[in-house]
C-alpha atoms as a PDB file:
ATOM      1  CA  UNK A   1     -27.496   3.286 -42.773  1.00  0.00           C
ATOM      2  CA  UNK A   2     -23.902   2.732 -41.630  1.00  0.00           C
ATOM      3  CA  UNK A   3     -22.561   4.285 -38.502  1.00  0.00           C
ATOM      4  CA  UNK A   4     -18.853   4.933 -37.836  1.00  0.00           C
ATOM      5  CA  UNK A   5     -17.225   2.575 -35.409  1.00  0.00           C
ATOM      6  CA  UNK A   6     -16.625   4.153 -32.033  1.00  0.00           C
ATOM      7  CA  UNK A   7     -13.766   2.777 -29.981  1.00  0.00           C
ATOM      8  CA  UNK A   8     -14.550   2.637 -26.302  1.00  0.00           C
ATOM      9  CA  UNK A   9     -11.538   3.035 -24.035  1.00  0.00           C
ATOM     10  CA  UNK A  10     -11.509   0.672 -21.090  1.00  0.00           C
ATOM     11  CA  UNK A  11     -12.038   2.294 -17.739  1.00  0.00           C
ATOM     12  CA  UNK A  12      -8.785   3.049 -15.973  1.00  0.00           C
ATOM     13  CA  UNK A  13      -8.241   1.684 -12.505  1.00  0.00           C
ATOM     14  CA  UNK A  14      -7.859   4.409  -9.867  1.00  0.00           C
ATOM     15  CA  UNK A  15      -5.225   3.493  -7.296  1.00  0.00           C
ATOM     16  CA  UNK A  16      -4.174   5.375  -4.164  1.00  0.00           C
ATOM     17  CA  UNK A  17      -0.449   4.963  -3.459  1.00  0.00           C
ATOM     18  CA  UNK A  18       0.773   4.923   0.151  1.00  0.00           C
ATOM     19  CA  UNK A  19       4.505   5.368   0.667  1.00  0.00           C
ATOM     20  CA  UNK A  20       6.903   3.733   3.112  1.00  0.00           C
ATOM     21  CA  UNK A  21       8.413   5.096   6.312  1.00  0.00           C
ATOM     22  CA  UNK A  22      10.838   7.998   5.771  1.00  0.00           C
ATOM     23  CA  UNK A  23       9.373   8.637   2.332  1.00  0.00           C
ATOM     24  CA  UNK A  24       6.780  11.052   0.976  1.00  0.00           C
ATOM     25  CA  UNK A  25       4.470  11.198  -2.041  1.00  0.00           C
ATOM     26  CA  UNK A  26       7.059  12.669  -4.410  1.00  0.00           C
ATOM     27  CA  UNK A  27       9.842  10.290  -3.393  1.00  0.00           C
ATOM     28  CA  UNK A  28       7.566   7.251  -3.671  1.00  0.00           C
ATOM     29  CA  UNK A  29       6.413   8.409  -7.090  1.00  0.00           C
ATOM     30  CA  UNK A  30      10.026   8.629  -8.243  1.00  0.00           C
ATOM     31  CA  UNK A  31      10.913   5.217  -6.827  1.00  0.00           C
ATOM     32  CA  UNK A  32       7.968   3.525  -8.557  1.00  0.00           C
ATOM     33  CA  UNK A  33       8.629   4.910 -12.035  1.00  0.00           C
ATOM     34  CA  UNK A  34       9.308   1.516 -13.603  1.00  0.00           C
ATOM     35  CA  UNK A  35       6.300  -0.023 -11.863  1.00  0.00           C
ATOM     36  CA  UNK A  36       4.024   2.760 -13.076  1.00  0.00           C
ATOM     37  CA  UNK A  37       5.357   2.427 -16.609  1.00  0.00           C
ATOM     38  CA  UNK A  38       4.273  -1.221 -16.671  1.00  0.00           C
ATOM     39  CA  UNK A  39       0.694  -0.206 -15.888  1.00  0.00           C
ATOM     40  CA  UNK A  40       0.475   3.297 -17.387  1.00  0.00           C
ATOM     41  CA  UNK A  41      -2.307   2.403 -19.825  1.00  0.00           C
ATOM     42  CA  UNK A  42      -4.356   0.621 -17.191  1.00  0.00           C
ATOM     43  CA  UNK A  43      -3.969   2.561 -13.934  1.00  0.00           C
ATOM     44  CA  UNK A  44      -4.297   6.154 -12.747  1.00  0.00           C
ATOM     45  CA  UNK A  45      -1.931   6.617  -9.785  1.00  0.00           C
ATOM     46  CA  UNK A  46      -2.547   9.118  -6.982  1.00  0.00           C
ATOM     47  CA  UNK A  47       0.182   9.642  -4.368  1.00  0.00           C
ATOM     48  CA  UNK A  48      -0.274  11.092  -0.884  1.00  0.00           C
ATOM     49  CA  UNK A  49       2.138  12.015   1.919  1.00  0.00           C
ATOM     50  CA  UNK A  50       1.642  10.878   5.503  1.00  0.00           C
ATOM     51  CA  UNK A  51       0.573  13.632   7.927  1.00  0.00           C
ATOM     52  CA  UNK A  52       3.315  12.845  10.455  1.00  0.00           C
ATOM     53  CA  UNK A  53       6.684  14.508   9.911  1.00  0.00           C
ATOM     54  CA  UNK A  54       9.717  12.572  11.186  1.00  0.00           C
ATOM     55  CA  UNK A  55      12.056  14.694  13.327  1.00  0.00           C
ATOM     56  CA  UNK A  56      15.441  15.503  11.823  1.00  0.00           C
ATOM     57  CA  UNK A  57      18.302  13.247  12.981  1.00  0.00           C
ATOM     58  CA  UNK A  58      15.993  10.465  14.128  1.00  0.00           C
ATOM     59  CA  UNK A  59      18.068   7.436  13.151  1.00  0.00           C
ATOM     60  CA  UNK A  60      16.005   4.324  13.765  1.00  0.00           C
ATOM     61  CA  UNK A  61      17.433   1.972  11.166  1.00  0.00           C
ATOM     62  CA  UNK A  62      14.320   2.129   9.005  1.00  0.00           C
ATOM     63  CA  UNK A  63      15.671   4.228   6.126  1.00  0.00           C
ATOM     64  CA  UNK A  64      13.981   3.307   2.871  1.00  0.00           C
ATOM     65  CA  UNK A  65      16.146   5.346   0.525  1.00  0.00           C
ATOM     66  CA  UNK A  66      19.820   6.187   0.089  1.00  0.00           C
ATOM     67  CA  UNK A  67      19.636   9.968  -0.198  1.00  0.00           C
ATOM     68  CA  UNK A  68      17.777  10.938   2.953  1.00  0.00           C
ATOM     69  CA  UNK A  69      19.422  14.282   3.757  1.00  0.00           C
ATOM     70  CA  UNK A  70      17.086  17.273   3.497  1.00  0.00           C
ATOM     71  CA  UNK A  71      14.142  15.078   2.465  1.00  0.00           C
ATOM     72  CA  UNK A  72      10.714  15.793   3.940  1.00  0.00           C
ATOM     73  CA  UNK A  73      10.510  12.412   5.687  1.00  0.00           C
ATOM     74  CA  UNK A  74       7.075  11.190   6.718  1.00  0.00           C
ATOM     75  CA  UNK A  75       5.576   8.285   8.624  1.00  0.00           C
ATOM     76  CA  UNK A  76       2.083   6.864   9.083  1.00  0.00           C
ATOM     77  CA  UNK A  77       2.587   6.227  12.806  1.00  0.00           C
ATOM     78  CA  UNK A  78       5.330   5.954  15.426  1.00  0.00           C
ATOM     79  CA  UNK A  79       5.994   3.066  17.795  1.00  0.00           C
ATOM     80  CA  UNK A  80       7.498   5.235  20.561  1.00  0.00           C
ATOM     81  CA  UNK A  81       6.645   8.509  22.259  1.00  0.00           C
ATOM     82  CA  UNK A  82       9.797  10.160  20.874  1.00  0.00           C
ATOM     83  CA  UNK A  83       8.535   9.689  17.294  1.00  0.00           C
ATOM     84  CA  UNK A  84      10.529   6.585  16.534  1.00  0.00           C
ATOM     85  CA  UNK A  85       9.337   3.619  14.503  1.00  0.00           C
ATOM     86  CA  UNK A  86      10.556   0.073  14.204  1.00  0.00           C
ATOM     87  CA  UNK A  87       8.499  -2.585  12.448  1.00  0.00           C
ATOM     88  CA  UNK A  88       9.626  -5.405  14.741  1.00  0.00           C
ATOM     89  CA  UNK A  89       9.074  -3.619  18.053  1.00  0.00           C
ATOM     90  CA  UNK A  90       6.012  -4.687  20.076  1.00  0.00           C
ATOM     91  CA  UNK A  91       4.459  -1.613  21.626  1.00  0.00           C
ATOM     92  CA  UNK A  92       1.358   0.002  23.123  1.00  0.00           C
ATOM     93  CA  UNK A  93       2.128   3.133  21.133  1.00  0.00           C
ATOM     94  CA  UNK A  94       0.893   4.170  17.681  1.00  0.00           C
ATOM     95  CA  UNK A  95       1.283   7.953  17.658  1.00  0.00           C
ATOM     96  CA  UNK A  96      -0.095   9.580  14.518  1.00  0.00           C
ATOM     97  CA  UNK A  97      -2.142   6.571  13.436  1.00  0.00           C
ATOM     98  CA  UNK A  98      -5.562   8.168  13.944  1.00  0.00           C
ATOM     99  CA  UNK A  99      -4.503  11.246  11.977  1.00  0.00           C
ATOM    100  CA  UNK A 100      -3.339   9.007   9.143  1.00  0.00           C
ATOM    101  CA  UNK A 101      -6.617   7.084   9.021  1.00  0.00           C
ATOM    102  CA  UNK A 102      -8.639  10.301   8.930  1.00  0.00           C
ATOM    103  CA  UNK A 103      -6.430  11.685   6.178  1.00  0.00           C
ATOM    104  CA  UNK A 104      -6.842   8.555   4.043  1.00  0.00           C
ATOM    105  CA  UNK A 105     -10.616   8.652   4.546  1.00  0.00           C
ATOM    106  CA  UNK A 106     -10.669  12.276   3.379  1.00  0.00           C
ATOM    107  CA  UNK A 107      -8.559  11.502   0.309  1.00  0.00           C
ATOM    108  CA  UNK A 108     -10.781   8.557  -0.632  1.00  0.00           C
ATOM    109  CA  UNK A 109     -13.835  10.785  -0.330  1.00  0.00           C
ATOM    110  CA  UNK A 110     -12.517  13.981  -1.923  1.00  0.00           C
ATOM    111  CA  UNK A 111     -10.282  12.585  -4.686  1.00  0.00           C
ATOM    112  CA  UNK A 112     -12.063   9.301  -5.355  1.00  0.00           C
ATOM    113  CA  UNK A 113     -13.688   7.059  -6.099  1.00  0.00           C
ATOM    114  CA  UNK A 114     -10.665   4.765  -5.871  1.00  0.00           C
ATOM    115  CA  UNK A 115     -10.671   1.147  -6.937  1.00  0.00           C
ATOM    116  CA  UNK A 116      -7.690   0.017  -4.912  1.00  0.00           C
ATOM    117  CA  UNK A 117      -4.810   0.802  -2.579  1.00  0.00           C
ATOM    118  CA  UNK A 118      -1.108   0.272  -3.256  1.00  0.00           C
ATOM    119  CA  UNK A 119       1.251   0.382  -0.274  1.00  0.00           C
ATOM    120  CA  UNK A 120       4.948  -0.153   0.383  1.00  0.00           C
ATOM    121  CA  UNK A 121       6.528  -1.245   3.700  1.00  0.00           C
ATOM    122  CA  UNK A 122       4.958   0.802   6.527  1.00  0.00           C
ATOM    123  CA  UNK A 123       2.496   2.073   3.925  1.00  0.00           C
ATOM    124  CA  UNK A 124       1.632  -1.530   3.057  1.00  0.00           C
ATOM    125  CA  UNK A 125       1.173  -2.296   6.736  1.00  0.00           C
ATOM    126  CA  UNK A 126      -1.198   0.667   6.906  1.00  0.00           C
ATOM    127  CA  UNK A 127      -3.052  -0.821   3.933  1.00  0.00           C
ATOM    128  CA  UNK A 128      -3.433  -4.066   5.899  1.00  0.00           C
ATOM    129  CA  UNK A 129      -4.987  -2.073   8.742  1.00  0.00           C
ATOM    130  CA  UNK A 130      -7.277  -0.247   6.314  1.00  0.00           C
ATOM    131  CA  UNK A 131      -8.372  -3.631   4.961  1.00  0.00           C
ATOM    132  CA  UNK A 132      -9.210  -4.715   8.499  1.00  0.00           C
ATOM    133  CA  UNK A 133     -11.207  -1.558   9.134  1.00  0.00           C
ATOM    134  CA  UNK A 134     -13.045  -2.035   5.857  1.00  0.00           C
ATOM    135  CA  UNK A 135     -14.005  -5.611   6.756  1.00  0.00           C
ATOM    136  CA  UNK A 136     -15.383  -4.447  10.095  1.00  0.00           C
ATOM    137  CA  UNK A 137     -17.509  -1.786   8.407  1.00  0.00           C
ATOM    138  CA  UNK A 138     -18.025  -2.530   4.674  1.00  0.00           C
ATOM    139  CA  UNK A 139     -20.487   0.342   4.303  1.00  0.00           C
ATOM    140  CA  UNK A 140     -18.226   2.894   5.977  1.00  0.00           C
ATOM    141  CA  UNK A 141     -15.910   5.588   4.618  1.00  0.00           C
ATOM    142  CA  UNK A 142     -13.199   3.223   3.361  1.00  0.00           C
ATOM    143  CA  UNK A 143     -14.303   2.634  -0.223  1.00  0.00           C
ATOM    144  CA  UNK A 144     -11.918   0.410  -2.199  1.00  0.00           C
ATOM    145  CA  UNK A 145     -12.197  -3.049  -3.718  1.00  0.00           C
ATOM    146  CA  UNK A 146      -8.643  -4.433  -3.858  1.00  0.00           C
ATOM    147  CA  UNK A 147      -5.155  -3.886  -2.438  1.00  0.00           C
ATOM    148  CA  UNK A 148      -1.534  -4.379  -3.467  1.00  0.00           C
ATOM    149  CA  UNK A 149       0.954  -4.663  -0.601  1.00  0.00           C
ATOM    150  CA  UNK A 150       4.728  -4.673  -1.141  1.00  0.00           C
ATOM    151  CA  UNK A 151       6.940  -5.642   1.820  1.00  0.00           C
ATOM    152  CA  UNK A 152       3.978  -5.541   4.164  1.00  0.00           C
ATOM    153  CA  UNK A 153       3.827  -6.788   7.751  1.00  0.00           C
ATOM    154  CA  UNK A 154       1.522  -7.066  10.731  1.00  0.00           C
ATOM    155  CA  UNK A 155       1.709  -4.003  12.927  1.00  0.00           C
ATOM    156  CA  UNK A 156       3.230  -4.783  16.326  1.00  0.00           C
ATOM    157  CA  UNK A 157       1.129  -2.129  18.034  1.00  0.00           C
ATOM    158  CA  UNK A 158      -1.177  -3.812  20.530  1.00  0.00           C
ATOM    159  CA  UNK A 159      -3.876  -1.296  19.608  1.00  0.00           C
ATOM    160  CA  UNK A 160      -3.981  -2.685  16.064  1.00  0.00           C
ATOM    161  CA  UNK A 161      -4.336  -6.384  16.828  1.00  0.00           C
ATOM    162  CA  UNK A 162      -8.136  -6.436  16.707  1.00  0.00           C
ATOM    163  CA  UNK A 163      -7.952  -5.414  13.040  1.00  0.00           C
ATOM    164  CA  UNK A 164      -6.335  -8.753  12.219  1.00  0.00           C
ATOM    165  CA  UNK A 165      -9.054 -10.873  13.832  1.00  0.00           C
ATOM    166  CA  UNK A 166     -11.403 -10.796  10.847  1.00  0.00           C
ATOM    167  CA  UNK A 167     -10.443 -12.343   7.503  1.00  0.00           C
ATOM    168  CA  UNK A 168      -9.994  -9.940   4.582  1.00  0.00           C
ATOM    169  CA  UNK A 169     -12.081 -11.039   1.594  1.00  0.00           C
ATOM    170  CA  UNK A 170     -11.238  -8.498  -1.117  1.00  0.00           C
ATOM    171  CA  UNK A 171      -8.633  -9.458  -3.754  1.00  0.00           C
ATOM    172  CA  UNK A 172      -5.091  -8.696  -2.613  1.00  0.00           C
ATOM    173  CA  UNK A 173      -1.639  -9.002  -4.176  1.00  0.00           C
ATOM    174  CA  UNK A 174       1.235  -9.540  -1.724  1.00  0.00           C
ATOM    175  CA  UNK A 175       4.759  -8.829  -2.987  1.00  0.00           C
ATOM    176  CA  UNK A 176       7.911  -9.506  -0.971  1.00  0.00           C
ATOM    177  CA  UNK A 177      11.611 -10.148  -1.508  1.00  0.00           C
ATOM    178  CA  UNK A 178      13.636 -13.176  -0.480  1.00  0.00           C
ATOM    179  CA  UNK A 179      16.587 -11.000   0.593  1.00  0.00           C
ATOM    180  CA  UNK A 180      14.684  -8.114   2.210  1.00  0.00           C
ATOM    181  CA  UNK A 181      16.596  -7.134   5.358  1.00  0.00           C
ATOM    182  CA  UNK A 182      14.304  -4.298   6.440  1.00  0.00           C
ATOM    183  CA  UNK A 183      11.107  -6.362   6.391  1.00  0.00           C
ATOM    184  CA  UNK A 184      12.162 -10.039   6.291  1.00  0.00           C
ATOM    185  CA  UNK A 185       9.905 -12.142   4.094  1.00  0.00           C
ATOM    186  CA  UNK A 186       8.777 -14.111   7.161  1.00  0.00           C
ATOM    187  CA  UNK A 187       7.017 -10.942   8.370  1.00  0.00           C
ATOM    188  CA  UNK A 188       5.175 -10.587   5.060  1.00  0.00           C
ATOM    189  CA  UNK A 189       4.303 -14.282   5.042  1.00  0.00           C
ATOM    190  CA  UNK A 190       2.859 -14.006   8.553  1.00  0.00           C
ATOM    191  CA  UNK A 191       0.289 -11.554   7.215  1.00  0.00           C
ATOM    192  CA  UNK A 192      -1.025 -13.938   4.548  1.00  0.00           C
ATOM    193  CA  UNK A 193      -3.153 -16.014   6.932  1.00  0.00           C
ATOM    194  CA  UNK A 194      -5.539 -13.055   7.227  1.00  0.00           C
ATOM    195  CA  UNK A 195      -6.459 -13.033   3.525  1.00  0.00           C
ATOM    196  CA  UNK A 196      -8.874 -15.391   1.783  1.00  0.00           C
ATOM    197  CA  UNK A 197      -8.468 -14.089  -1.779  1.00  0.00           C
ATOM    198  CA  UNK A 198      -4.762 -13.368  -2.048  1.00  0.00           C
ATOM    199  CA  UNK A 199      -2.165 -13.671  -4.799  1.00  0.00           C
ATOM    200  CA  UNK A 200       1.507 -13.989  -3.838  1.00  0.00           C
ATOM    201  CA  UNK A 201       4.422 -12.577  -5.821  1.00  0.00           C
ATOM    202  CA  UNK A 202       7.834 -13.407  -4.379  1.00  0.00           C
ATOM    203  CA  UNK A 203      10.981 -11.972  -5.963  1.00  0.00           C
ATOM    204  CA  UNK A 204      14.685 -12.601  -5.440  1.00  0.00           C
ATOM    205  CA  UNK A 205      15.532  -9.047  -4.396  1.00  0.00           C
ATOM    206  CA  UNK A 206      15.348  -6.898  -1.295  1.00  0.00           C
ATOM    207  CA  UNK A 207      13.374  -3.926   0.029  1.00  0.00           C
ATOM    208  CA  UNK A 208      11.887  -2.283  -3.052  1.00  0.00           C
ATOM    209  CA  UNK A 209       9.018  -2.472  -5.531  1.00  0.00           C
ATOM    210  CA  UNK A 210      10.163  -4.985  -8.178  1.00  0.00           C
ATOM    211  CA  UNK A 211       9.328  -4.137 -11.778  1.00  0.00           C
ATOM    212  CA  UNK A 212      11.226  -6.451 -14.102  1.00  0.00           C
ATOM    213  CA  UNK A 213       9.661  -8.555 -16.844  1.00  0.00           C
ATOM    214  CA  UNK A 214       9.445 -11.379 -14.307  1.00  0.00           C
ATOM    215  CA  UNK A 215       6.940  -9.411 -12.225  1.00  0.00           C
ATOM    216  CA  UNK A 216       5.169  -7.637 -15.096  1.00  0.00           C
ATOM    217  CA  UNK A 217       2.906 -10.575 -15.924  1.00  0.00           C
ATOM    218  CA  UNK A 218       1.689 -10.919 -12.329  1.00  0.00           C
ATOM    219  CA  UNK A 219       0.952  -7.192 -11.990  1.00  0.00           C
ATOM    220  CA  UNK A 220      -0.909  -6.977 -15.289  1.00  0.00           C
ATOM    221  CA  UNK A 221      -2.904 -10.140 -14.646  1.00  0.00           C
ATOM    222  CA  UNK A 222      -3.998  -8.910 -11.218  1.00  0.00           C
ATOM    223  CA  UNK A 223      -4.930  -5.435 -12.478  1.00  0.00           C
ATOM    224  CA  UNK A 224      -6.803  -6.821 -15.482  1.00  0.00           C
ATOM    225  CA  UNK A 225      -8.866  -8.997 -13.156  1.00  0.00           C
ATOM    226  CA  UNK A 226      -9.840  -5.912 -11.165  1.00  0.00           C
ATOM    227  CA  UNK A 227     -10.596  -4.006 -14.379  1.00  0.00           C
ATOM    228  CA  UNK A 228     -13.005  -6.742 -15.486  1.00  0.00           C
ATOM    229  CA  UNK A 229     -14.850  -6.463 -12.190  1.00  0.00           C
ATOM    230  CA  UNK A 230     -15.048  -2.695 -12.614  1.00  0.00           C
ATOM    231  CA  UNK A 231     -16.437  -3.029 -16.141  1.00  0.00           C
ATOM    232  CA  UNK A 232     -19.118  -5.442 -14.952  1.00  0.00           C
ATOM    233  CA  UNK A 233     -20.112  -3.064 -12.168  1.00  0.00           C
ATOM    234  CA  UNK A 234     -20.431  -0.187 -14.634  1.00  0.00           C
END
């Protein structure tokens, strides 16, 4: 007896996307259109907005988009009491951070399971902190198995430093630009020493998610590696 061939679709990777400072879920989705197109057959993207609203007329030099007027600007934490954030400012303050962590935990639980996290700028820095929390408690609420960080950096908040003491062992892809003036590549490179299973993708541009043919191969190769792991686990 002959049976019809049944094509089995590969399992899609579920990825939680964490926007940069002064962005929100919708804006980040729009800005990553080309990136998502590269991986549309391999990845299911879920975007979330930070719980902390940035006050109107707060000009702190950290704009991550050109058209900022009337946008619902959000941040994952602030480095000053007056709801100001600067990536290069050492501080004891991290207002809004705990709320952000709780929100991410809830999203992972309620909308998951997620395979990985994808963060940009302050969102990528938050991903680095989430990786640290996950290493400290592998059986906790932070369930993900890889991370992609674009223009990431070590948080300068003194309250976050303990999260960089333990090496991160999950696969990570670190993307940064040679001409980034918002997060200089030296800040992204500083973060690399904390990761034991990292892939580095450096591009010639500035502060954005690169998505040309030059980067496509690296993205696809990294995602396909994670997909193979997922298939083996299932």
